[in-house]
Amino acid sequence: MIADIFSSSALAVGVLMLAVWLLSLLLKNASIVDIVWGIGFVVVAWVSNLASDGSSDVGLIVAVMVSIWGSRLAGYLWWRNHGKGEDFRYVAMRKHYGTRFPLISLVTVFALQGVLMLVVSLPVQLAQQPSTESINILGMVGVLVWLIGVLFESAGDVQLARFKARPENSGKVMDKGLWRYTRHPNYFGDACAWWGIAIVDLQSNMGWLGLLGAAVMSFLLVRVSGVPMLEKTMHKRRPDYVAYQERTSGFIPRKPKKS
């Protein structure tokens, strides 16, 4: 059964990322992959649920949790990015690779994200295994952690959007609300959401393996494509960012240091 779940998920992700890559060539915009990142997890959740005949209450709960998280993220990124053209990261890649960009992007952007999606979604896939057990106390703790994460990142996104919408804040650093306690409340919320999902999955067969998915997501956010990539250019775009960086936690919320 677990082999059917894994293979169905891999096939679904492969077809999805290939289709999105082809669409990106037509649109000449690879940025759409960022929106599909959240959608892809929703696809994995329900494809794996169907592959297991949807017989697990825990699996259904996890599928709903992932659907809420992924749909919110995709919707927010679409709202934030539509009409703004291709992200500067992909523009730089196009300039660097020239005519080789389509093939390079297939491998290093779309295929790579597809593989990472399958790894991160391990707790989602494992939770879909047939079981007669109802969610236990540990699972309820996981749902609570997930809820805190989703609310945290949602609040952070709303606060930042409102801040950017005011012309007088142009060029300034957002250091109010949740952004006063962490420079990346959206990334911290993402991590909490996935650790919550992994905790719920612990009651499934081989559920401990799902912790790997949450760990990989946290590593990506803190060390790879999240915090480092965003902060790489912030010093140039926001003159006050260095001072903000010195007094504010980079990830886990805490009271800011005194100036």
Protein backbone atom coordinates (compact mmCIF):
# COMPACT_ATOMS: atom_id res chain seq x y z
CA MET A 1 0.00 0.00 0.00
CA ILE A 2 2.73 2.50 0.92
CA ALA A 3 4.48 1.73 -2.37
CA ASP A 4 1.27 2.64 -4.24
CA ILE A 5 1.05 5.90 -2.31
CA PHE A 6 4.67 6.86 -3.02
CA SER A 7 4.51 5.93 -6.70
CA SER A 8 1.21 7.74 -7.25
CA SER A 9 2.57 10.86 -5.57
CA ALA A 10 5.78 10.76 -7.61
CA LEU A 11 3.84 10.38 -10.86
CA ALA A 12 1.49 13.24 -9.97
CA VAL A 13 4.35 15.58 -9.04
CA GLY A 14 6.27 14.63 -12.19
CA VAL A 15 3.31 15.39 -14.46
CA LEU A 16 2.53 18.61 -12.59
CA MET A 17 6.06 20.01 -12.73
CA LEU A 18 6.52 19.06 -16.38
CA ALA A 19 3.25 20.79 -17.28
CA VAL A 20 4.20 23.90 -15.32
CA TRP A 21 7.63 23.96 -17.00
CA LEU A 22 6.00 23.86 -20.44
CA LEU A 23 3.63 26.63 -19.39
CA SER A 24 6.57 28.71 -18.13
CA LEU A 25 8.15 28.44 -21.60
CA LEU A 26 4.98 29.72 -23.24
CA LEU A 27 4.62 32.56 -20.75
CA LYS A 28 8.38 33.23 -20.61
CA ASN A 29 8.00 33.40 -16.86
CA ALA A 30 9.53 30.77 -14.58
CA SER A 31 8.16 32.55 -11.50
CA ILE A 32 4.96 30.52 -11.74
CA VAL A 33 6.84 27.67 -10.09
CA ASP A 34 6.72 29.59 -6.80
CA ILE A 35 2.91 29.58 -6.85
CA VAL A 36 2.79 25.90 -7.80
CA TRP A 37 5.00 25.03 -4.80
CA GLY A 38 2.00 25.26 -2.47
CA ILE A 39 -0.42 23.72 -4.97
CA GLY A 40 1.88 20.74 -5.46
CA PHE A 41 1.51 19.68 -1.82
CA VAL A 42 -2.26 19.83 -2.14
CA VAL A 43 -2.02 17.56 -5.18
CA VAL A 44 0.21 15.11 -3.29
CA ALA A 45 -2.18 15.08 -0.32
CA TRP A 46 -5.24 14.10 -2.32
CA VAL A 47 -3.53 11.82 -4.84
CA SER A 48 -1.97 9.83 -2.00
CA ASN A 49 -5.30 9.86 -0.15
CA LEU A 50 -7.06 8.37 -3.18
CA ALA A 51 -4.24 5.84 -3.69
CA SER A 52 -4.94 4.48 -0.20
CA ASP A 53 -8.73 4.44 -0.74
CA GLY A 54 -9.04 7.31 1.75
CA SER A 55 -9.56 4.89 4.63
CA SER A 56 -7.63 6.77 7.34
CA ASP A 57 -9.17 9.47 9.52
CA VAL A 58 -5.69 10.74 10.32
CA GLY A 59 -4.88 10.82 6.61
CA LEU A 60 -7.98 12.87 5.87
CA ILE A 61 -7.14 15.34 8.64
CA VAL A 62 -3.59 15.75 7.32
CA ALA A 63 -4.85 16.18 3.75
CA VAL A 64 -7.15 18.99 4.90
CA MET A 65 -4.33 20.61 6.90
CA VAL A 66 -2.01 20.57 3.89
CA SER A 67 -4.77 21.84 1.60
CA ILE A 68 -5.38 24.86 3.82
CA TRP A 69 -1.65 25.60 4.11
CA GLY A 70 -0.89 25.11 0.40
CA SER A 71 -3.94 26.96 -0.91
CA ARG A 72 -3.27 29.95 1.33
CA LEU A 73 0.37 30.12 0.28
CA ALA A 74 -0.38 29.78 -3.43
CA GLY A 75 -3.17 32.34 -3.26
CA TYR A 76 -1.01 34.84 -1.41
CA LEU A 77 1.92 34.48 -3.80
CA TRP A 78 -0.36 34.87 -6.81
CA TRP A 79 -1.89 38.02 -5.32
CA ARG A 80 1.54 39.43 -4.46
CA ASN A 81 3.28 38.60 -7.74
CA HIS A 82 0.70 38.79 -10.54
CA GLY A 83 1.35 41.52 -13.06
CA LYS A 84 4.91 42.14 -11.81
CA GLY A 85 6.77 40.05 -14.36
CA GLU A 86 9.38 37.38 -13.75
CA ASP A 87 11.23 37.28 -10.43
CA PHE A 88 14.76 38.73 -10.50
CA ARG A 89 16.24 35.32 -9.66
CA TYR A 90 14.98 33.77 -12.88
CA VAL A 91 15.77 36.90 -14.89
CA ALA A 92 19.39 36.55 -13.75
CA MET A 93 19.36 32.87 -14.71
CA ARG A 94 18.03 33.69 -18.19
CA LYS A 95 20.79 36.23 -18.69
CA HIS A 96 23.47 33.83 -17.46
CA TYR A 97 22.44 30.71 -19.40
CA GLY A 98 20.99 32.30 -22.52
CA THR A 99 19.51 29.75 -24.93
CA ARG A 100 20.25 26.93 -22.47
CA PHE A 101 17.91 28.39 -19.85
CA PRO A 102 14.83 26.25 -20.75
CA LEU A 103 16.70 22.99 -20.19
CA ILE A 104 18.65 24.32 -17.20
CA SER A 105 15.43 25.53 -15.57
CA LEU A 106 13.77 22.14 -16.15
CA VAL A 107 16.49 20.41 -14.14
CA THR A 108 17.58 22.98 -11.53
CA VAL A 109 14.22 24.64 -10.86
CA PHE A 110 11.24 22.47 -11.76
CA ALA A 111 12.66 18.95 -11.34
CA LEU A 112 14.56 19.93 -8.19
CA GLN A 113 11.48 21.47 -6.61
CA GLY A 114 9.51 18.37 -7.53
CA VAL A 115 12.01 16.13 -5.72
CA LEU A 116 12.03 18.40 -2.68
CA MET A 117 8.23 18.42 -2.72
CA LEU A 118 8.17 14.62 -2.50
CA VAL A 119 10.66 14.60 0.38
CA VAL A 120 8.98 17.37 2.38
CA SER A 121 5.57 15.75 1.86
CA LEU A 122 6.68 12.44 3.42
CA PRO A 123 4.47 12.98 6.52
CA VAL A 124 1.52 13.68 4.22
CA GLN A 125 2.02 10.50 2.24
CA LEU A 126 2.71 8.29 5.27
CA ALA A 127 -0.41 9.57 7.03
CA GLN A 128 -2.59 8.24 4.20
CA GLN A 129 -1.96 4.59 5.08
CA PRO A 130 -5.16 2.70 6.00
CA SER A 131 -5.86 2.71 9.73
CA THR A 132 -8.84 2.39 12.03
CA GLU A 133 -7.25 4.60 14.69
CA SER A 134 -8.68 8.03 15.43
CA ILE A 135 -6.40 10.97 16.06
CA ASN A 136 -4.73 10.71 19.49
CA ILE A 137 -3.50 13.31 22.00
CA LEU A 138 -0.15 13.66 20.24
CA GLY A 139 -1.99 14.23 16.99
CA MET A 140 -4.06 16.97 18.58
CA VAL A 141 -0.84 18.63 19.74
CA GLY A 142 0.35 18.47 16.14
CA VAL A 143 -2.84 20.13 14.89
CA LEU A 144 -2.32 22.91 17.45
CA VAL A 145 1.29 23.46 16.34
CA TRP A 146 0.14 23.52 12.70
CA LEU A 147 -2.61 26.01 13.50
CA ILE A 148 -0.18 28.32 15.30
CA GLY A 149 2.13 28.15 12.29
CA VAL A 150 -0.57 28.93 9.72
CA LEU A 151 -1.95 31.81 11.77
CA PHE A 152 1.56 33.14 12.42
CA GLU A 153 2.60 33.20 8.76
CA SER A 154 -0.78 34.53 7.65
CA ALA A 155 -0.62 37.40 10.14
CA GLY A 156 2.95 38.18 9.11
CA ASP A 157 2.01 38.30 5.42
CA VAL A 158 -0.97 40.57 6.09
CA GLN A 159 1.10 42.93 8.24
CA LEU A 160 3.83 43.19 5.59
CA ALA A 161 1.31 43.72 2.77
CA ARG A 162 -0.35 46.58 4.66
CA PHE A 163 3.05 48.11 5.42
CA LYS A 164 4.13 48.01 1.76
CA ALA A 165 0.80 49.43 0.60
CA ARG A 166 1.57 52.78 2.29
CA PRO A 167 3.74 55.03 0.05
CA GLU A 168 5.46 56.65 3.03
CA ASN A 169 7.01 53.27 3.90
CA SER A 170 8.90 52.97 0.60
CA GLY A 171 12.51 51.97 1.30
CA LYS A 172 11.83 51.46 4.99
CA VAL A 173 12.20 48.27 7.04
CA MET A 174 9.11 46.58 8.43
CA ASP A 175 9.75 46.17 12.17
CA LYS A 176 6.25 46.29 13.63
CA GLY A 177 3.87 43.54 14.73
CA LEU A 178 5.34 40.04 14.40
CA TRP A 179 8.22 41.51 12.40
CA ARG A 180 9.47 43.12 15.60
CA TYR A 181 10.22 39.69 17.07
CA THR A 182 11.50 37.83 14.02
CA ARG A 183 12.76 39.00 10.64
CA HIS A 184 10.86 36.16 8.96
CA PRO A 185 7.52 35.38 10.64
CA ASN A 186 6.26 33.81 7.41
CA TYR A 187 9.14 31.32 7.30
CA PHE A 188 8.84 30.55 11.02
CA GLY A 189 5.12 29.92 10.53
CA ASP A 190 5.85 27.62 7.58
CA ALA A 191 8.24 25.57 9.70
CA CYS A 192 5.72 25.29 12.55
CA ALA A 193 3.00 24.18 10.13
CA TRP A 194 5.15 21.35 8.81
CA TRP A 195 6.37 20.22 12.20
CA GLY A 196 2.73 20.13 13.25
CA ILE A 197 1.87 17.93 10.26
CA ALA A 198 4.82 15.64 11.06
CA ILE A 199 3.69 15.32 14.69
CA VAL A 200 0.21 14.27 13.60
CA ASP A 201 1.79 11.69 11.31
CA LEU A 202 3.72 10.09 14.19
CA GLN A 203 0.80 7.79 14.96
CA SER A 204 0.91 6.26 11.47
CA ASN A 205 3.08 3.33 10.43
CA MET A 206 6.70 4.56 10.03
CA GLY A 207 5.45 7.99 11.03
CA TRP A 208 8.86 8.86 12.45
CA LEU A 209 10.11 9.05 8.86
CA GLY A 210 7.80 12.00 8.32
CA LEU A 211 9.99 14.06 10.66
CA LEU A 212 12.52 14.10 7.83
CA GLY A 213 10.08 16.10 5.71
CA ALA A 214 9.64 18.76 8.38
CA ALA A 215 13.41 18.88 8.95
CA VAL A 216 14.11 19.36 5.24
CA MET A 217 11.52 22.15 5.03
CA SER A 218 13.10 23.90 8.02
CA PHE A 219 16.58 23.52 6.51
CA LEU A 220 15.43 25.00 3.21
CA LEU A 221 13.83 27.95 4.97
CA VAL A 222 16.75 28.71 7.30
CA ARG A 223 19.78 27.75 5.21
CA VAL A 224 18.92 27.61 1.51
CA SER A 225 16.04 29.28 -0.32
CA GLY A 226 14.39 31.18 2.51
CA VAL A 227 16.29 33.46 4.87
CA PRO A 228 19.70 33.53 3.07
CA MET A 229 18.31 34.24 -0.40
CA LEU A 230 16.01 37.02 0.80
CA GLU A 231 18.56 38.73 3.02
CA LYS A 232 21.27 38.60 0.35
CA THR A 233 19.89 41.73 -1.31
CA MET A 234 18.14 43.42 1.62
CA HIS A 235 21.20 45.43 2.64
CA LYS A 236 21.21 47.16 -0.75
CA ARG A 237 17.46 47.73 -0.92
CA ARG A 238 16.90 48.75 2.72
CA PRO A 239 19.61 51.01 4.25
CA ASP A 240 18.30 50.41 7.79
CA TYR A 241 18.30 46.64 7.46
CA VAL A 242 21.68 46.10 9.13
CA ALA A 243 20.47 47.73 12.36
CA TYR A 244 17.22 45.75 12.14
CA GLN A 245 19.21 42.56 11.61
CA GLU A 246 21.35 43.21 14.68
CA ARG A 247 18.42 43.66 17.06
CA THR A 248 15.91 41.18 15.63
CA SER A 249 15.95 37.39 15.64
CA GLY A 250 16.50 35.81 12.25
CA PHE A 251 13.95 33.03 12.73
CA ILE A 252 12.60 32.02 16.14
CA PRO A 253 10.60 34.93 17.66
CA ARG A 254 12.12 36.59 20.69
CA LYS A 255 12.23 39.98 22.35
CA PRO A 256 14.38 42.35 20.26
CA LYS A 257 17.78 43.40 21.56
CA LYS A 258 18.23 46.94 22.81
CA SER A 259 19.84 49.30 20.32
